[in-house]
Amino acid sequence: MNHMDKVCRLSGLELTEEFSILKKRPDIRLTVRNPYYFTDEGMTDGSGRLDNTLLADLITGTLVIKKSERKASE
């Protein structure tokens, strides 16, 4: 089991499952490019770019995950 498997388990998502990131407060000045996916390398945005800075903010609770209705493979 790699680190991203652990992150997926903690977040309640499957690897490559699509999700959105929501800011807990409107004053958070981060650029969020939804949708996101967890991969073996880290967290990627919809264009395939790694965005592990936001991953750290998810882990610390600054940002929250909203599950998408559809799967990434659809």
PDB file of N, CA and C in Angstrom:
ATOM      1  N   MET A   1       0.853  -1.187   0.000  1.00  0.00           N
ATOM      2  CA  MET A   1       0.000   0.000   0.000  1.00  0.00           C
ATOM      3  C   MET A   1       0.892   1.241   0.000  1.00  0.00           C
ATOM      4  N   ASN A   2       0.661   2.140  -0.958  1.00  0.00           N
ATOM      5  CA  ASN A   2       1.449   3.363  -1.000  1.00  0.00           C
ATOM      6  C   ASN A   2       0.731   4.485  -0.244  1.00  0.00           C
ATOM      7  N   HIS A   3       1.352   5.646  -0.193  1.00  0.00           N
ATOM      8  CA  HIS A   3       0.790   6.769   0.560  1.00  0.00           C
ATOM      9  C   HIS A   3      -0.547   7.240  -0.006  1.00  0.00           C
ATOM     10  N   MET A   4      -0.692   7.215  -1.312  1.00  0.00           N
ATOM     11  CA  MET A   4      -1.943   7.690  -1.915  1.00  0.00           C
ATOM     12  C   MET A   4      -3.098   6.733  -1.610  1.00  0.00           C
ATOM     13  N   ASP A   5      -2.809   5.443  -1.468  1.00  0.00           N
ATOM     14  CA  ASP A   5      -3.846   4.509  -1.040  1.00  0.00           C
ATOM     15  C   ASP A   5      -4.353   4.878   0.350  1.00  0.00           C
ATOM     16  N   LYS A   6      -3.438   5.282   1.219  1.00  0.00           N
ATOM     17  CA  LYS A   6      -3.825   5.690   2.570  1.00  0.00           C
ATOM     18  C   LYS A   6      -4.661   6.966   2.543  1.00  0.00           C
ATOM     19  N   VAL A   7      -4.265   7.920   1.691  1.00  0.00           N
ATOM     20  CA  VAL A   7      -5.023   9.168   1.560  1.00  0.00           C
ATOM     21  C   VAL A   7      -6.434   8.873   1.048  1.00  0.00           C
ATOM     22  N   CYS A   8      -6.530   7.988   0.065  1.00  0.00           N
ATOM     23  CA  CYS A   8      -7.846   7.616  -0.475  1.00  0.00           C
ATOM     24  C   CYS A   8      -8.709   6.983   0.603  1.00  0.00           C
ATOM     25  N   ARG A   9      -8.136   6.101   1.382  1.00  0.00           N
ATOM     26  CA  ARG A   9      -8.890   5.444   2.443  1.00  0.00           C
ATOM     27  C   ARG A   9      -9.392   6.467   3.464  1.00  0.00           C
ATOM     28  N   LEU A  10      -8.532   7.403   3.851  1.00  0.00           N
ATOM     29  CA  LEU A  10      -8.933   8.429   4.815  1.00  0.00           C
ATOM     30  C   LEU A  10     -10.008   9.359   4.265  1.00  0.00           C
ATOM     31  N   SER A  11      -9.955   9.633   2.968  1.00  0.00           N
ATOM     32  CA  SER A  11     -10.909  10.563   2.372  1.00  0.00           C
ATOM     33  C   SER A  11     -12.206   9.891   1.949  1.00  0.00           C
ATOM     34  N   GLY A  12     -12.225   8.551   1.929  1.00  0.00           N
ATOM     35  CA  GLY A  12     -13.426   7.838   1.521  1.00  0.00           C
ATOM     36  C   GLY A  12     -13.613   7.761   0.027  1.00  0.00           C
ATOM     37  N   LEU A  13     -12.526   7.932  -0.728  1.00  0.00           N
ATOM     38  CA  LEU A  13     -12.576   7.884  -2.188  1.00  0.00           C
ATOM     39  C   LEU A  13     -11.764   6.720  -2.716  1.00  0.00           C
ATOM     40  N   GLU A  14     -12.055   6.321  -3.936  1.00  0.00           N
ATOM     41  CA  GLU A  14     -11.258   5.321  -4.632  1.00  0.00           C
ATOM     42  C   GLU A  14     -10.186   6.038  -5.448  1.00  0.00           C
ATOM     43  N   LEU A  15      -9.096   5.335  -5.730  1.00  0.00           N
ATOM     44  CA  LEU A  15      -8.060   5.876  -6.601  1.00  0.00           C
ATOM     45  C   LEU A  15      -8.689   6.164  -7.961  1.00  0.00           C
ATOM     46  N   THR A  16      -8.449   7.299  -8.519  1.00  0.00           N
ATOM     47  CA  THR A  16      -8.971   7.827  -9.795  1.00  0.00           C
ATOM     48  C   THR A  16     -10.448   8.208  -9.748  1.00  0.00           C
ATOM     49  N   GLU A  17     -11.070   8.220  -8.581  1.00  0.00           N
ATOM     50  CA  GLU A  17     -12.463   8.689  -8.482  1.00  0.00           C
ATOM     51  C   GLU A  17     -12.475  10.219  -8.525  1.00  0.00           C
ATOM     52  N   GLU A  18     -13.361  10.773  -9.315  1.00  0.00           N
ATOM     53  CA  GLU A  18     -13.451  12.224  -9.474  1.00  0.00           C
ATOM     54  C   GLU A  18     -14.060  12.864  -8.229  1.00  0.00           C
ATOM     55  N   PHE A  19     -13.498  14.022  -7.829  1.00  0.00           N
ATOM     56  CA  PHE A  19     -14.049  14.783  -6.714  1.00  0.00           C
ATOM     57  C   PHE A  19     -13.771  16.259  -6.922  1.00  0.00           C
ATOM     58  N   SER A  20     -14.487  17.078  -6.185  1.00  0.00           N
ATOM     59  CA  SER A  20     -14.282  18.526  -6.206  1.00  0.00           C
ATOM     60  C   SER A  20     -13.734  18.965  -4.866  1.00  0.00           C
ATOM     61  N   ILE A  21     -13.033  20.080  -4.881  1.00  0.00           N
ATOM     62  CA  ILE A  21     -12.498  20.666  -3.656  1.00  0.00           C
ATOM     63  C   ILE A  21     -13.274  21.931  -3.370  1.00  0.00           C
ATOM     64  N   LEU A  22     -13.708  22.067  -2.142  1.00  0.00           N
ATOM     65  CA  LEU A  22     -14.432  23.255  -1.696  1.00  0.00           C
ATOM     66  C   LEU A  22     -13.623  23.963  -0.621  1.00  0.00           C
ATOM     67  N   LYS A  23     -13.652  25.279  -0.650  1.00  0.00           N
ATOM     68  CA  LYS A  23     -12.980  26.073   0.379  1.00  0.00           C
ATOM     69  C   LYS A  23     -13.890  26.160   1.604  1.00  0.00           C
ATOM     70  N   LYS A  24     -13.324  25.980   2.788  1.00  0.00           N
ATOM     71  CA  LYS A  24     -14.124  26.072   4.014  1.00  0.00           C
ATOM     72  C   LYS A  24     -14.556  27.514   4.289  1.00  0.00           C
ATOM     73  N   ARG A  25     -13.708  28.462   3.893  1.00  0.00           N
ATOM     74  CA  ARG A  25     -14.016  29.880   4.110  1.00  0.00           C
ATOM     75  C   ARG A  25     -13.759  30.640   2.817  1.00  0.00           C
ATOM     76  N   PRO A  26     -14.555  31.656   2.514  1.00  0.00           N
ATOM     77  CA  PRO A  26     -14.365  32.402   1.257  1.00  0.00           C
ATOM     78  C   PRO A  26     -13.072  33.211   1.200  1.00  0.00           C
ATOM     79  N   ASP A  27     -12.430  33.454   2.331  1.00  0.00           N
ATOM     80  CA  ASP A  27     -11.211  34.262   2.340  1.00  0.00           C
ATOM     81  C   ASP A  27      -9.951  33.449   2.019  1.00  0.00           C
ATOM     82  N   ILE A  28     -10.076  32.157   1.796  1.00  0.00           N
ATOM     83  CA  ILE A  28      -8.928  31.332   1.429  1.00  0.00           C
ATOM     84  C   ILE A  28      -8.539  31.672  -0.003  1.00  0.00           C
ATOM     85  N   ARG A  29      -7.293  32.086  -0.193  1.00  0.00           N
ATOM     86  CA  ARG A  29      -6.840  32.557  -1.509  1.00  0.00           C
ATOM     87  C   ARG A  29      -6.039  31.473  -2.233  1.00  0.00           C
ATOM     88  N   LEU A  30      -6.695  30.400  -2.570  1.00  0.00           N
ATOM     89  CA  LEU A  30      -6.073  29.320  -3.328  1.00  0.00           C
ATOM     90  C   LEU A  30      -6.831  29.141  -4.628  1.00  0.00           C
ATOM     91  N   THR A  31      -6.116  28.789  -5.684  1.00  0.00           N
ATOM     92  CA  THR A  31      -6.762  28.514  -6.958  1.00  0.00           C
ATOM     93  C   THR A  31      -7.166  27.051  -6.984  1.00  0.00           C
ATOM     94  N   VAL A  32      -8.448  26.803  -7.163  1.00  0.00           N
ATOM     95  CA  VAL A  32      -8.972  25.443  -7.208  1.00  0.00           C
ATOM     96  C   VAL A  32      -9.465  25.178  -8.619  1.00  0.00           C
ATOM     97  N   ARG A  33      -8.919  24.123  -9.237  1.00  0.00           N
ATOM     98  CA  ARG A  33      -9.289  23.758 -10.615  1.00  0.00           C
ATOM     99  C   ARG A  33      -9.990  22.405 -10.603  1.00  0.00           C
ATOM    100  N   ASN A  34     -11.269  22.401 -10.264  1.00  0.00           N
ATOM    101  CA  ASN A  34     -12.037  21.156 -10.205  1.00  0.00           C
ATOM    102  C   ASN A  34     -12.268  20.623 -11.601  1.00  0.00           C
ATOM    103  N   PRO A  35     -12.425  19.334 -11.791  1.00  0.00           N
ATOM    104  CA  PRO A  35     -12.393  18.254 -10.812  1.00  0.00           C
ATOM    105  C   PRO A  35     -10.963  17.785 -10.538  1.00  0.00           C
ATOM    106  N   TYR A  36     -10.816  17.001  -9.482  1.00  0.00           N
ATOM    107  CA  TYR A  36      -9.531  16.422  -9.095  1.00  0.00           C
ATOM    108  C   TYR A  36      -9.653  14.913  -9.018  1.00  0.00           C
ATOM    109  N   TYR A  37      -8.487  14.254  -9.043  1.00  0.00           N
ATOM    110  CA  TYR A  37      -8.399  12.796  -8.937  1.00  0.00           C
ATOM    111  C   TYR A  37      -7.170  12.451  -8.113  1.00  0.00           C
ATOM    112  N   PHE A  38      -7.224  11.373  -7.364  1.00  0.00           N
ATOM    113  CA  PHE A  38      -6.029  10.833  -6.721  1.00  0.00           C
ATOM    114  C   PHE A  38      -5.412   9.810  -7.661  1.00  0.00           C
ATOM    115  N   THR A  39      -4.102   9.876  -7.838  1.00  0.00           N
ATOM    116  CA  THR A  39      -3.360   8.897  -8.625  1.00  0.00           C
ATOM    117  C   THR A  39      -2.238   8.353  -7.753  1.00  0.00           C
ATOM    118  N   ASP A  40      -1.460   7.420  -8.290  1.00  0.00           N
ATOM    119  CA  ASP A  40      -0.319   6.880  -7.542  1.00  0.00           C
ATOM    120  C   ASP A  40       0.711   7.954  -7.221  1.00  0.00           C
ATOM    121  N   GLU A  41       0.819   8.972  -8.076  1.00  0.00           N
ATOM    122  CA  GLU A  41       1.824  10.021  -7.886  1.00  0.00           C
ATOM    123  C   GLU A  41       1.370  11.126  -6.954  1.00  0.00           C
ATOM    124  N   GLY A  42       0.065  11.305  -6.805  1.00  0.00           N
ATOM    125  CA  GLY A  42      -0.446  12.390  -5.978  1.00  0.00           C
ATOM    126  C   GLY A  42      -1.847  12.782  -6.417  1.00  0.00           C
ATOM    127  N   MET A  43      -2.175  14.037  -6.251  1.00  0.00           N
ATOM    128  CA  MET A  43      -3.491  14.541  -6.631  1.00  0.00           C
ATOM    129  C   MET A  43      -3.347  15.344  -7.920  1.00  0.00           C
ATOM    130  N   THR A  44      -4.165  15.034  -8.917  1.00  0.00           N
ATOM    131  CA  THR A  44      -4.094  15.739 -10.191  1.00  0.00           C
ATOM    132  C   THR A  44      -5.397  16.476 -10.457  1.00  0.00           C
ATOM    133  N   ASP A  45      -5.272  17.594 -11.177  1.00  0.00           N
ATOM    134  CA  ASP A  45      -6.477  18.325 -11.564  1.00  0.00           C
ATOM    135  C   ASP A  45      -7.024  17.728 -12.854  1.00  0.00           C
ATOM    136  N   GLY A  46      -8.075  18.292 -13.395  1.00  0.00           N
ATOM    137  CA  GLY A  46      -8.726  17.761 -14.584  1.00  0.00           C
ATOM    138  C   GLY A  46      -7.848  17.705 -15.814  1.00  0.00           C
ATOM    139  N   SER A  47      -6.805  18.522 -15.871  1.00  0.00           N
ATOM    140  CA  SER A  47      -5.909  18.507 -17.030  1.00  0.00           C
ATOM    141  C   SER A  47      -4.721  17.568 -16.839  1.00  0.00           C
ATOM    142  N   GLY A  48      -4.645  16.892 -15.706  1.00  0.00           N
ATOM    143  CA  GLY A  48      -3.578  15.931 -15.462  1.00  0.00           C
ATOM    144  C   GLY A  48      -2.366  16.480 -14.739  1.00  0.00           C
ATOM    145  N   ARG A  49      -2.402  17.750 -14.334  1.00  0.00           N
ATOM    146  CA  ARG A  49      -1.271  18.344 -13.606  1.00  0.00           C
ATOM    147  C   ARG A  49      -1.323  17.964 -12.138  1.00  0.00           C
ATOM    148  N   LEU A  50      -0.169  17.589 -11.582  1.00  0.00           N
ATOM    149  CA  LEU A  50      -0.085  17.302 -10.148  1.00  0.00           C
ATOM    150  C   LEU A  50      -0.304  18.591  -9.361  1.00  0.00           C
ATOM    151  N   ASP A  51      -1.046  18.489  -8.280  1.00  0.00           N
ATOM    152  CA  ASP A  51      -1.314  19.655  -7.439  1.00  0.00           C
ATOM    153  C   ASP A  51      -1.251  19.232  -5.974  1.00  0.00           C
ATOM    154  N   ASN A  52      -0.052  18.864  -5.531  1.00  0.00           N
ATOM    155  CA  ASN A  52       0.105  18.358  -4.176  1.00  0.00           C
ATOM    156  C   ASN A  52       0.103  19.449  -3.115  1.00  0.00           C
ATOM    157  N   THR A  53       0.164  20.717  -3.518  1.00  0.00           N
ATOM    158  CA  THR A  53       0.019  21.807  -2.549  1.00  0.00           C
ATOM    159  C   THR A  53      -1.390  21.788  -1.976  1.00  0.00           C
ATOM    160  N   LEU A  54      -2.383  21.635  -2.843  1.00  0.00           N
ATOM    161  CA  LEU A  54      -3.758  21.538  -2.359  1.00  0.00           C
ATOM    162  C   LEU A  54      -3.989  20.255  -1.571  1.00  0.00           C
ATOM    163  N   LEU A  55      -3.256  19.203  -1.902  1.00  0.00           N
ATOM    164  CA  LEU A  55      -3.361  17.954  -1.157  1.00  0.00           C
ATOM    165  C   LEU A  55      -2.993  18.181   0.307  1.00  0.00           C
ATOM    166  N   ALA A  56      -1.958  18.942   0.547  1.00  0.00           N
ATOM    167  CA  ALA A  56      -1.566  19.252   1.925  1.00  0.00           C
ATOM    168  C   ALA A  56      -2.670  20.025   2.636  1.00  0.00           C
ATOM    169  N   ASP A  57      -3.321  20.941   1.938  1.00  0.00           N
ATOM    170  CA  ASP A  57      -4.411  21.706   2.538  1.00  0.00           C
ATOM    171  C   ASP A  57      -5.628  20.822   2.804  1.00  0.00           C
ATOM    172  N   LEU A  58      -5.850  19.814   1.984  1.00  0.00           N
ATOM    173  CA  LEU A  58      -6.933  18.858   2.247  1.00  0.00           C
ATOM    174  C   LEU A  58      -6.648  18.059   3.512  1.00  0.00           C
ATOM    175  N   ILE A  59      -5.403  17.604   3.649  1.00  0.00           N
ATOM    176  CA  ILE A  59      -5.029  16.788   4.800  1.00  0.00           C
ATOM    177  C   ILE A  59      -5.133  17.587   6.094  1.00  0.00           C
ATOM    178  N   THR A  60      -4.779  18.863   6.049  1.00  0.00           N
ATOM    179  CA  THR A  60      -4.835  19.684   7.261  1.00  0.00           C
ATOM    180  C   THR A  60      -6.225  20.230   7.550  1.00  0.00           C
ATOM    181  N   GLY A  61      -7.159  20.079   6.613  1.00  0.00           N
ATOM    182  CA  GLY A  61      -8.528  20.509   6.849  1.00  0.00           C
ATOM    183  C   GLY A  61      -8.875  21.901   6.378  1.00  0.00           C
ATOM    184  N   THR A  62      -7.958  22.578   5.695  1.00  0.00           N
ATOM    185  CA  THR A  62      -8.252  23.906   5.157  1.00  0.00           C
ATOM    186  C   THR A  62      -9.277  23.830   4.034  1.00  0.00           C
ATOM    187  N   LEU A  63      -9.210  22.746   3.271  1.00  0.00           N
ATOM    188  CA  LEU A  63     -10.134  22.504   2.171  1.00  0.00           C
ATOM    189  C   LEU A  63     -10.904  21.223   2.454  1.00  0.00           C
ATOM    190  N   VAL A  64     -12.043  21.045   1.806  1.00  0.00           N
ATOM    191  CA  VAL A  64     -12.844  19.831   1.991  1.00  0.00           C
ATOM    192  C   VAL A  64     -13.150  19.203   0.631  1.00  0.00           C
ATOM    193  N   ILE A  65     -13.450  17.905   0.655  1.00  0.00           N
ATOM    194  CA  ILE A  65     -13.753  17.138  -0.554  1.00  0.00           C
ATOM    195  C   ILE A  65     -15.246  16.983  -0.706  1.00  0.00           C
ATOM    196  N   LYS A  66     -15.705  17.158  -1.939  1.00  0.00           N
ATOM    197  CA  LYS A  66     -17.098  16.853  -2.292  1.00  0.00           C
ATOM    198  C   LYS A  66     -17.040  15.805  -3.386  1.00  0.00           C
ATOM    199  N   LYS A  67     -17.602  14.628  -3.104  1.00  0.00           N
ATOM    200  CA  LYS A  67     -17.588  13.551  -4.101  1.00  0.00           C
ATOM    201  C   LYS A  67     -18.416  13.952  -5.309  1.00  0.00           C
ATOM    202  N   SER A  68     -17.931  13.571  -6.492  1.00  0.00           N
ATOM    203  CA  SER A  68     -18.670  13.797  -7.723  1.00  0.00           C
ATOM    204  C   SER A  68     -19.676  12.681  -7.916  1.00  0.00           C
ATOM    205  N   GLU A  69     -20.692  12.953  -8.720  1.00  0.00           N
ATOM    206  CA  GLU A  69     -21.723  11.963  -8.984  1.00  0.00           C
ATOM    207  C   GLU A  69     -21.267  10.892  -9.956  1.00  0.00           C
ATOM    208  N   ARG A  70     -20.285  11.219 -10.819  1.00  0.00           N
ATOM    209  CA  ARG A  70     -19.848  10.265 -11.828  1.00  0.00           C
ATOM    210  C   ARG A  70     -18.436   9.811 -11.561  1.00  0.00           C
ATOM    211  N   LYS A  71     -18.058   8.671 -12.106  1.00  0.00           N
ATOM    212  CA  LYS A  71     -16.710   8.117 -11.968  1.00  0.00           C
ATOM    213  C   LYS A  71     -15.801   8.706 -13.052  1.00  0.00           C
ATOM    214  N   ALA A  72     -14.498   8.648 -12.821  1.00  0.00           N
ATOM    215  CA  ALA A  72     -13.522   9.200 -13.768  1.00  0.00           C
ATOM    216  C   ALA A  72     -13.534   8.463 -15.092  1.00  0.00           C
ATOM    217  N   SER A  73     -13.866   7.199 -15.107  1.00  0.00           N
ATOM    218  CA  SER A  73     -13.815   6.416 -16.336  1.00  0.00           C
ATOM    219  C   SER A  73     -15.028   6.643 -17.228  1.00  0.00           C
ATOM    220  N   GLU A  74     -16.045   7.348 -16.760  1.00  0.00           N
ATOM    221  CA  GLU A  74     -17.259   7.591 -17.547  1.00  0.00           C
ATOM    222  C   GLU A  74     -17.077   8.735 -18.509  1.00  0.00           C
TER     223      GLU A  74
END
